[in-house]
Amino acid sequence: MSQPDDTSQEALKRLQNRLDTLTAERKPKDSVGGTAESGVGEGYRLLGEVIGGVFGGLGLGYVLDRLAHTTPLFIVVGLLLGTAASAFTAMRSANKAARTAKKGD
């Protein structure tokens, strides 16, 4: 079997460079501002924080009501505290996301 000549090696190198360039262009970009997919993910995360806070407050209020035998008192208090905590957390996360997006501009 004969050795390939230099022109074949150069052609292979050029082809490899073109392939590397193509794969780099097709890779998803990790930009600071984010893409549409990261925006959707951020929205779902905020929704999860709000729903989790409300249901967490309700659950904690229910458990305290069962232990203290005060049926509606702690459920209402837990609902209010869970809603307030989830709103605070969502606002903090939204502000953080806005600052991150602003840095990317």
Protein backbone atom coordinates (compact mmCIF):
# COMPACT_ATOMS: atom_id res chain seq x y z
CA MET A 1 0.00 0.00 0.00
CA SER A 2 1.45 3.36 -0.94
CA GLN A 3 1.60 6.43 1.25
CA PRO A 4 -0.86 9.20 0.40
CA ASP A 5 0.76 12.21 -1.11
CA ASP A 6 0.85 15.67 0.47
CA THR A 7 -2.05 17.03 -1.54
CA SER A 8 -4.33 14.31 -0.17
CA GLN A 9 -3.23 15.11 3.38
CA GLU A 10 -3.82 18.81 2.81
CA ALA A 11 -7.25 18.10 1.38
CA LEU A 12 -8.11 15.99 4.42
CA LYS A 13 -6.99 18.79 6.74
CA ARG A 14 -9.09 21.34 4.86
CA LEU A 15 -12.07 19.00 5.00
CA GLN A 16 -11.59 18.48 8.73
CA ASN A 17 -11.40 22.24 9.28
CA ARG A 18 -14.65 22.74 7.34
CA LEU A 19 -16.30 19.97 9.36
CA ASP A 20 -15.14 21.53 12.64
CA THR A 21 -16.48 24.90 11.56
CA LEU A 22 -19.83 23.41 10.60
CA THR A 23 -20.23 21.57 13.89
CA ALA A 24 -19.28 24.71 15.84
CA GLU A 25 -21.94 26.71 13.98
CA ARG A 26 -24.61 24.07 14.66
CA LYS A 27 -23.91 23.88 18.40
CA PRO A 28 -26.40 25.71 20.61
CA LYS A 29 -25.04 29.00 21.79
CA ASP A 30 -24.59 29.62 25.53
CA SER A 31 -25.24 33.32 25.46
CA VAL A 32 -25.62 35.47 28.54
CA GLY A 33 -28.92 36.93 27.38
CA GLY A 34 -30.31 33.48 26.74
CA THR A 35 -32.34 32.03 23.97
CA ALA A 36 -36.04 31.38 23.62
CA GLU A 37 -35.64 27.97 25.24
CA SER A 38 -33.95 29.42 28.32
CA GLY A 39 -36.69 32.06 28.56
CA VAL A 40 -39.34 29.38 28.56
CA GLY A 41 -37.40 27.45 31.19
CA GLU A 42 -37.15 30.58 33.33
CA GLY A 43 -40.90 31.09 33.04
CA TYR A 44 -41.63 27.53 34.10
CA ARG A 45 -39.25 27.89 37.03
CA LEU A 46 -41.06 31.05 38.18
CA LEU A 47 -44.41 29.30 37.82
CA GLY A 48 -43.11 26.40 39.89
CA GLU A 49 -41.93 28.79 42.61
CA VAL A 50 -45.34 30.44 42.83
CA ILE A 51 -47.34 27.22 42.82
CA GLY A 52 -44.91 25.54 45.21
CA GLY A 53 -45.09 28.42 47.67
CA VAL A 54 -48.88 28.49 47.69
CA PHE A 55 -49.24 24.71 48.05
CA GLY A 56 -46.44 24.61 50.60
CA GLY A 57 -48.21 27.19 52.73
CA LEU A 58 -51.49 25.33 52.39
CA GLY A 59 -49.87 22.04 53.35
CA LEU A 60 -48.11 23.51 56.35
CA GLY A 61 -51.35 25.20 57.45
CA TYR A 62 -53.25 21.94 57.08
CA VAL A 63 -50.73 20.05 59.21
CA LEU A 64 -50.78 22.74 61.91
CA ASP A 65 -54.60 22.74 61.87
CA ARG A 66 -54.67 18.97 62.32
CA LEU A 67 -52.24 19.15 65.24
CA ALA A 68 -53.87 22.13 66.97
CA HIS A 69 -57.50 21.23 66.08
CA THR A 70 -58.16 24.74 64.71
CA THR A 71 -59.69 23.87 61.37
CA PRO A 72 -59.62 26.98 59.14
CA LEU A 73 -57.19 29.22 61.02
CA PHE A 74 -53.78 27.90 59.98
CA ILE A 75 -54.92 26.99 56.47
CA VAL A 76 -55.81 30.63 55.84
CA VAL A 77 -52.62 31.87 57.49
CA GLY A 78 -50.54 29.33 55.55
CA LEU A 79 -52.20 30.31 52.29
CA LEU A 80 -51.45 33.99 52.89
CA LEU A 81 -47.87 33.38 54.00
CA GLY A 82 -47.21 30.93 51.17
CA THR A 83 -48.57 33.37 48.61
CA ALA A 84 -46.49 36.22 50.01
CA ALA A 85 -43.33 34.11 50.15
CA SER A 86 -43.78 32.80 46.62
CA ALA A 87 -44.45 36.28 45.26
CA PHE A 88 -41.31 37.56 46.98
CA THR A 89 -39.23 34.69 45.62
CA ALA A 90 -40.63 35.10 42.11
CA MET A 91 -39.92 38.83 42.13
CA ARG A 92 -36.37 38.24 43.32
CA SER A 93 -35.78 35.62 40.62
CA ALA A 94 -37.29 37.84 37.94
CA ASN A 95 -35.07 40.75 38.98
CA LYS A 96 -32.03 38.49 38.88
CA ALA A 97 -32.96 37.26 35.39
CA ALA A 98 -33.48 40.85 34.23
CA ARG A 99 -30.06 41.89 35.55
CA THR A 100 -28.46 38.93 33.80
CA ALA A 101 -30.19 39.79 30.53
CA LYS A 102 -29.15 43.42 30.87
CA LYS A 103 -25.50 42.42 31.29
CA GLY A 104 -25.70 40.51 28.00
CA ASP A 105 -26.72 43.65 26.06
